[in-house]
Amino acid sequence: MVENALLKNISKHVNLTQEEIITFERFWKKKTLEKGDYLLHNGDICRYDSYIVSGALKAFYINANNGNEEILFFAVDDWWASDLDSFSKQKPSIYNIQAIEKTTVLQINYHSFQKLLTDLPCLERYFRIILESYLGALQKRIIYNNVYDAESRYYDFLETYPNIATKVPQYLIASYLGVSAEFISRIRKKNKPS
């Protein structure tokens, strides 16, 4: 049976009948990743879209110029993790997705996803809403990276993603924000109550 969390997430946007829920549940498989396991490797085709039941993942690429890990996004409980371009076009991914902690996901492969949308067209709306939310967050990140200083970006991150800030190590947040871990330590120390 598909985890209640995913059905609850979907029910915020689309109402499924009991028959539709039974159909929906047939498409998903559960997978558990240990800390450090990869959900996706750079160069592989993203065969699955993954919903995080519990845990935390990071998407990153290795900067060819300096060898640093550059964080693209995090995904935690009740989020999705995938390389959308690789998944939708079935072409090699340009980044990695790795578990930061033990993580349980529900997965659907590309062909099953296409069949799911054919069998349950009402889910087109749900996945459109998820995609719009993702694109809105991506646009905001681009604007903030171009306009705001590092300290403002850090505070916005804490306010926007408090559940990520509590699960993800500071050095990974620093990479995501394009600052050093020492910079974040200084900000935290500066604002620590005496």
C-alpha atoms as a PDB file:
ATOM      1  CA  MET A   1       0.000   0.000   0.000  1.00  0.00           C
ATOM      2  CA  VAL A   2       1.230   3.499  -0.833  1.00  0.00           C
ATOM      3  CA  GLU A   3       2.195   5.563   2.182  1.00  0.00           C
ATOM      4  CA  ASN A   4      -0.582   7.743   3.547  1.00  0.00           C
ATOM      5  CA  ALA A   5       1.707  10.797   3.342  1.00  0.00           C
ATOM      6  CA  LEU A   6       1.721  10.748  -0.468  1.00  0.00           C
ATOM      7  CA  LEU A   7      -2.042  10.317  -0.708  1.00  0.00           C
ATOM      8  CA  LYS A   8      -2.473  13.098   1.859  1.00  0.00           C
ATOM      9  CA  ASN A   9      -0.200  15.343  -0.206  1.00  0.00           C
ATOM     10  CA  ILE A  10      -2.201  14.606  -3.347  1.00  0.00           C
ATOM     11  CA  SER A  11      -5.528  15.151  -1.571  1.00  0.00           C
ATOM     12  CA  LYS A  12      -4.543  18.792  -0.938  1.00  0.00           C
ATOM     13  CA  HIS A  13      -4.961  19.356  -4.676  1.00  0.00           C
ATOM     14  CA  VAL A  14      -6.962  16.485  -6.169  1.00  0.00           C
ATOM     15  CA  ASN A  15      -9.709  14.265  -4.754  1.00  0.00           C
ATOM     16  CA  LEU A  16      -9.339  10.609  -5.690  1.00  0.00           C
ATOM     17  CA  THR A  17     -12.124   8.069  -5.402  1.00  0.00           C
ATOM     18  CA  GLN A  18     -11.447   4.809  -3.589  1.00  0.00           C
ATOM     19  CA  GLU A  19     -11.226   3.043  -6.952  1.00  0.00           C
ATOM     20  CA  GLU A  20      -8.709   5.634  -8.195  1.00  0.00           C
ATOM     21  CA  ILE A  21      -6.634   5.197  -5.032  1.00  0.00           C
ATOM     22  CA  ILE A  22      -6.465   1.439  -5.643  1.00  0.00           C
ATOM     23  CA  THR A  23      -5.333   2.080  -9.240  1.00  0.00           C
ATOM     24  CA  PHE A  24      -2.832   4.695  -8.068  1.00  0.00           C
ATOM     25  CA  GLU A  25      -1.250   2.398  -5.483  1.00  0.00           C
ATOM     26  CA  ARG A  26      -0.345  -0.233  -8.087  1.00  0.00           C
ATOM     27  CA  PHE A  27       2.246   2.037  -9.687  1.00  0.00           C
ATOM     28  CA  TRP A  28       4.544   2.699  -6.720  1.00  0.00           C
ATOM     29  CA  LYS A  29       7.455   0.823  -5.161  1.00  0.00           C
ATOM     30  CA  LYS A  30       9.123   1.572  -1.864  1.00  0.00           C
ATOM     31  CA  LYS A  31      12.900   1.870  -1.627  1.00  0.00           C
ATOM     32  CA  THR A  32      15.158   2.595   1.328  1.00  0.00           C
ATOM     33  CA  LEU A  33      18.511   4.315   0.970  1.00  0.00           C
ATOM     34  CA  GLU A  34      21.157   4.291   3.675  1.00  0.00           C
ATOM     35  CA  LYS A  35      23.134   7.445   4.392  1.00  0.00           C
ATOM     36  CA  GLY A  36      25.528   7.982   1.473  1.00  0.00           C
ATOM     37  CA  ASP A  37      23.572   5.815  -1.001  1.00  0.00           C
ATOM     38  CA  TYR A  38      22.834   7.359  -4.384  1.00  0.00           C
ATOM     39  CA  LEU A  39      19.363   7.747  -5.798  1.00  0.00           C
ATOM     40  CA  LEU A  40      20.913   8.971  -9.068  1.00  0.00           C
ATOM     41  CA  HIS A  41      24.446   9.222 -10.461  1.00  0.00           C
ATOM     42  CA  ASN A  42      25.676  11.855 -12.884  1.00  0.00           C
ATOM     43  CA  GLY A  43      25.576  10.331 -16.385  1.00  0.00           C
ATOM     44  CA  ASP A  44      22.791   7.844 -15.602  1.00  0.00           C
ATOM     45  CA  ILE A  45      19.281   8.261 -16.948  1.00  0.00           C
ATOM     46  CA  CYS A  46      16.797   9.206 -14.218  1.00  0.00           C
ATOM     47  CA  ARG A  47      14.450   6.230 -14.490  1.00  0.00           C
ATOM     48  CA  TYR A  48      12.292   7.125 -11.452  1.00  0.00           C
ATOM     49  CA  ASP A  49      10.455  10.033  -9.933  1.00  0.00           C
ATOM     50  CA  SER A  50      10.771   9.703  -6.163  1.00  0.00           C
ATOM     51  CA  TYR A  51       8.578  10.951  -3.337  1.00  0.00           C
ATOM     52  CA  ILE A  52      10.358  11.191   0.030  1.00  0.00           C
ATOM     53  CA  VAL A  53       8.427   9.445   2.782  1.00  0.00           C
ATOM     54  CA  SER A  54      11.146  10.138   5.348  1.00  0.00           C
ATOM     55  CA  GLY A  55      14.745  11.237   5.285  1.00  0.00           C
ATOM     56  CA  ALA A  56      16.801  13.793   3.388  1.00  0.00           C
ATOM     57  CA  LEU A  57      18.527  13.907   0.000  1.00  0.00           C
ATOM     58  CA  LYS A  58      20.888  16.343  -1.674  1.00  0.00           C
ATOM     59  CA  ALA A  59      21.218  16.964  -5.395  1.00  0.00           C
ATOM     60  CA  PHE A  60      24.657  18.130  -6.453  1.00  0.00           C
ATOM     61  CA  TYR A  61      27.247  18.259  -9.177  1.00  0.00           C
ATOM     62  CA  ILE A  62      31.015  18.370  -8.922  1.00  0.00           C
ATOM     63  CA  ASN A  63      32.506  21.629 -10.163  1.00  0.00           C
ATOM     64  CA  ALA A  64      35.087  20.620 -12.792  1.00  0.00           C
ATOM     65  CA  ASN A  65      37.176  23.746 -12.128  1.00  0.00           C
ATOM     66  CA  ASN A  66      37.739  23.288  -8.398  1.00  0.00           C
ATOM     67  CA  GLY A  67      36.407  19.816  -7.535  1.00  0.00           C
ATOM     68  CA  ASN A  68      33.865  21.247  -5.072  1.00  0.00           C
ATOM     69  CA  GLU A  69      30.448  19.745  -4.547  1.00  0.00           C
ATOM     70  CA  GLU A  70      27.829  22.307  -5.617  1.00  0.00           C
ATOM     71  CA  ILE A  71      24.412  21.753  -4.015  1.00  0.00           C
ATOM     72  CA  LEU A  72      21.448  22.243  -6.366  1.00  0.00           C
ATOM     73  CA  PHE A  73      18.589  21.342  -4.026  1.00  0.00           C
ATOM     74  CA  PHE A  74      17.557  19.399  -0.957  1.00  0.00           C
ATOM     75  CA  ALA A  75      14.558  17.101  -0.632  1.00  0.00           C
ATOM     76  CA  VAL A  76      13.125  16.053   2.726  1.00  0.00           C
ATOM     77  CA  ASP A  77       9.954  14.400   4.027  1.00  0.00           C
ATOM     78  CA  ASP A  78       6.903  15.031   1.824  1.00  0.00           C
ATOM     79  CA  TRP A  79       8.991  16.372  -1.098  1.00  0.00           C
ATOM     80  CA  TRP A  80       9.923  15.047  -4.517  1.00  0.00           C
ATOM     81  CA  ALA A  81      13.428  14.248  -5.810  1.00  0.00           C
ATOM     82  CA  SER A  82      14.268  13.741  -9.447  1.00  0.00           C
ATOM     83  CA  ASP A  83      16.229  15.177 -12.321  1.00  0.00           C
ATOM     84  CA  LEU A  84      13.184  16.437 -14.179  1.00  0.00           C
ATOM     85  CA  ASP A  85      15.007  16.983 -17.456  1.00  0.00           C
ATOM     86  CA  SER A  86      16.577  13.519 -17.400  1.00  0.00           C
ATOM     87  CA  PHE A  87      13.327  11.858 -16.296  1.00  0.00           C
ATOM     88  CA  SER A  88      11.047  13.573 -18.810  1.00  0.00           C
ATOM     89  CA  LYS A  89      13.415  13.170 -21.785  1.00  0.00           C
ATOM     90  CA  GLN A  90      15.014   9.880 -20.650  1.00  0.00           C
ATOM     91  CA  LYS A  91      18.492  11.285 -21.236  1.00  0.00           C
ATOM     92  CA  PRO A  92      21.582  11.191 -18.975  1.00  0.00           C
ATOM     93  CA  SER A  93      21.508  13.300 -15.836  1.00  0.00           C
ATOM     94  CA  ILE A  94      24.050  16.045 -15.255  1.00  0.00           C
ATOM     95  CA  TYR A  95      23.989  15.698 -11.467  1.00  0.00           C
ATOM     96  CA  ASN A  96      23.828  13.298  -8.528  1.00  0.00           C
ATOM     97  CA  ILE A  97      21.175  12.736  -5.870  1.00  0.00           C
ATOM     98  CA  GLN A  98      22.451  11.202  -2.624  1.00  0.00           C
ATOM     99  CA  ALA A  99      20.980  10.365   0.795  1.00  0.00           C
ATOM    100  CA  ILE A 100      22.136  12.651   3.624  1.00  0.00           C
ATOM    101  CA  GLU A 101      20.518  10.272   6.120  1.00  0.00           C
ATOM    102  CA  LYS A 102      18.567   7.030   5.933  1.00  0.00           C
ATOM    103  CA  THR A 103      15.773   7.810   3.493  1.00  0.00           C
ATOM    104  CA  THR A 104      12.641   5.998   2.374  1.00  0.00           C
ATOM    105  CA  VAL A 105      11.145   6.898  -0.981  1.00  0.00           C
ATOM    106  CA  LEU A 106       8.218   5.840  -3.107  1.00  0.00           C
ATOM    107  CA  GLN A 107       9.196   5.513  -6.743  1.00  0.00           C
ATOM    108  CA  ILE A 108       7.468   5.364 -10.067  1.00  0.00           C
ATOM    109  CA  ASN A 109       9.347   4.620 -13.275  1.00  0.00           C
ATOM    110  CA  TYR A 110       8.999   6.715 -16.408  1.00  0.00           C
ATOM    111  CA  HIS A 111       6.732   4.335 -18.349  1.00  0.00           C
ATOM    112  CA  SER A 112       4.510   3.690 -15.328  1.00  0.00           C
ATOM    113  CA  PHE A 113       4.267   7.441 -14.768  1.00  0.00           C
ATOM    114  CA  GLN A 114       3.017   7.944 -18.321  1.00  0.00           C
ATOM    115  CA  LYS A 115       0.464   5.147 -17.846  1.00  0.00           C
ATOM    116  CA  LEU A 116      -0.589   6.567 -14.484  1.00  0.00           C
ATOM    117  CA  LEU A 117      -1.430   9.898 -16.117  1.00  0.00           C
ATOM    118  CA  THR A 118      -3.351   8.106 -18.877  1.00  0.00           C
ATOM    119  CA  ASP A 119      -5.296   5.965 -16.386  1.00  0.00           C
ATOM    120  CA  LEU A 120      -5.856   8.825 -13.903  1.00  0.00           C
ATOM    121  CA  PRO A 121      -5.872  12.074 -15.917  1.00  0.00           C
ATOM    122  CA  CYS A 122      -6.940  14.032 -12.829  1.00  0.00           C
ATOM    123  CA  LEU A 123      -3.336  13.626 -11.595  1.00  0.00           C
ATOM    124  CA  GLU A 124      -2.102  15.839 -14.432  1.00  0.00           C
ATOM    125  CA  ARG A 125      -3.408  18.740 -12.316  1.00  0.00           C
ATOM    126  CA  TYR A 126      -1.561  17.543  -9.212  1.00  0.00           C
ATOM    127  CA  PHE A 127       1.775  17.163 -10.994  1.00  0.00           C
ATOM    128  CA  ARG A 128       1.301  20.534 -12.729  1.00  0.00           C
ATOM    129  CA  ILE A 129       0.834  22.188  -9.320  1.00  0.00           C
ATOM    130  CA  ILE A 130       3.966  20.454  -7.967  1.00  0.00           C
ATOM    131  CA  LEU A 131       5.946  21.567 -11.025  1.00  0.00           C
ATOM    132  CA  GLU A 132       4.677  25.160 -10.722  1.00  0.00           C
ATOM    133  CA  SER A 133       5.735  25.232  -7.078  1.00  0.00           C
ATOM    134  CA  TYR A 134       9.184  23.908  -7.967  1.00  0.00           C
ATOM    135  CA  LEU A 135       9.632  26.441 -10.778  1.00  0.00           C
ATOM    136  CA  GLY A 136       8.508  29.291  -8.516  1.00  0.00           C
ATOM    137  CA  ALA A 137      11.088  28.291  -5.894  1.00  0.00           C
ATOM    138  CA  LEU A 138      13.760  28.040  -8.594  1.00  0.00           C
ATOM    139  CA  GLN A 139      12.936  31.514  -9.928  1.00  0.00           C
ATOM    140  CA  LYS A 140      13.070  32.949  -6.404  1.00  0.00           C
ATOM    141  CA  ARG A 141      16.453  31.334  -5.831  1.00  0.00           C
ATOM    142  CA  ILE A 142      17.856  32.827  -9.050  1.00  0.00           C
ATOM    143  CA  ILE A 143      16.614  36.298  -8.125  1.00  0.00           C
ATOM    144  CA  TYR A 144      17.897  36.056  -4.541  1.00  0.00           C
ATOM    145  CA  ASN A 145      21.318  34.833  -5.723  1.00  0.00           C
ATOM    146  CA  ASN A 146      21.577  37.766  -8.130  1.00  0.00           C
ATOM    147  CA  VAL A 147      20.157  40.524  -5.927  1.00  0.00           C
ATOM    148  CA  TYR A 148      20.543  39.758  -2.212  1.00  0.00           C
ATOM    149  CA  ASP A 149      23.643  39.514  -0.067  1.00  0.00           C
ATOM    150  CA  ALA A 150      24.703  36.214   1.474  1.00  0.00           C
ATOM    151  CA  GLU A 151      23.354  37.008   4.937  1.00  0.00           C
ATOM    152  CA  SER A 152      19.904  37.861   3.543  1.00  0.00           C
ATOM    153  CA  ARG A 153      19.915  34.643   1.505  1.00  0.00           C
ATOM    154  CA  TYR A 154      20.778  32.641   4.616  1.00  0.00           C
ATOM    155  CA  TYR A 155      17.929  34.127   6.673  1.00  0.00           C
ATOM    156  CA  ASP A 156      15.494  33.664   3.820  1.00  0.00           C
ATOM    157  CA  PHE A 157      16.560  30.018   3.564  1.00  0.00           C
ATOM    158  CA  LEU A 158      15.934  29.494   7.304  1.00  0.00           C
ATOM    159  CA  GLU A 159      12.524  31.148   7.063  1.00  0.00           C
ATOM    160  CA  THR A 160      11.464  29.411   3.863  1.00  0.00           C
ATOM    161  CA  TYR A 161      12.821  25.938   4.669  1.00  0.00           C
ATOM    162  CA  PRO A 162      12.895  25.461   8.464  1.00  0.00           C
ATOM    163  CA  ASN A 163      12.442  21.685   8.089  1.00  0.00           C
ATOM    164  CA  ILE A 164      15.524  21.486   5.867  1.00  0.00           C
ATOM    165  CA  ALA A 165      17.610  23.715   8.136  1.00  0.00           C
ATOM    166  CA  THR A 166      17.085  21.280  11.025  1.00  0.00           C
ATOM    167  CA  LYS A 167      17.962  18.144   9.005  1.00  0.00           C
ATOM    168  CA  VAL A 168      20.842  19.278   6.819  1.00  0.00           C
ATOM    169  CA  PRO A 169      24.401  20.024   7.988  1.00  0.00           C
ATOM    170  CA  GLN A 170      25.445  23.687   7.857  1.00  0.00           C
ATOM    171  CA  TYR A 171      28.273  23.041   5.382  1.00  0.00           C
ATOM    172  CA  LEU A 172      25.735  21.717   2.840  1.00  0.00           C
ATOM    173  CA  ILE A 173      23.483  24.734   3.381  1.00  0.00           C
ATOM    174  CA  ALA A 174      26.558  26.912   2.821  1.00  0.00           C
ATOM    175  CA  SER A 175      27.231  25.149  -0.491  1.00  0.00           C
ATOM    176  CA  TYR A 176      23.596  25.613  -1.530  1.00  0.00           C
ATOM    177  CA  LEU A 177      23.818  29.344  -0.757  1.00  0.00           C
ATOM    178  CA  GLY A 178      27.222  29.747  -2.414  1.00  0.00           C
ATOM    179  CA  VAL A 179      29.014  30.796   0.784  1.00  0.00           C
ATOM    180  CA  SER A 180      31.569  29.206   3.081  1.00  0.00           C
ATOM    181  CA  ALA A 181      30.635  27.191   6.153  1.00  0.00           C
ATOM    182  CA  GLU A 182      32.731  29.674   8.156  1.00  0.00           C
ATOM    183  CA  PHE A 183      30.542  32.518   6.906  1.00  0.00           C
ATOM    184  CA  ILE A 184      27.423  30.788   8.229  1.00  0.00           C
ATOM    185  CA  SER A 185      29.178  30.087  11.537  1.00  0.00           C
ATOM    186  CA  ARG A 186      29.995  33.792  11.864  1.00  0.00           C
ATOM    187  CA  ILE A 187      26.378  34.798  11.152  1.00  0.00           C
ATOM    188  CA  ARG A 188      25.070  32.301  13.703  1.00  0.00           C
ATOM    189  CA  LYS A 189      27.608  33.397  16.303  1.00  0.00           C
ATOM    190  CA  LYS A 190      26.839  37.085  15.707  1.00  0.00           C
ATOM    191  CA  ASN A 191      23.127  36.543  16.273  1.00  0.00           C
ATOM    192  CA  LYS A 192      23.388  34.083  19.156  1.00  0.00           C
ATOM    193  CA  PRO A 193      21.732  35.447  22.311  1.00  0.00           C
ATOM    194  CA  SER A 194      24.267  36.321  25.019  1.00  0.00           C
END
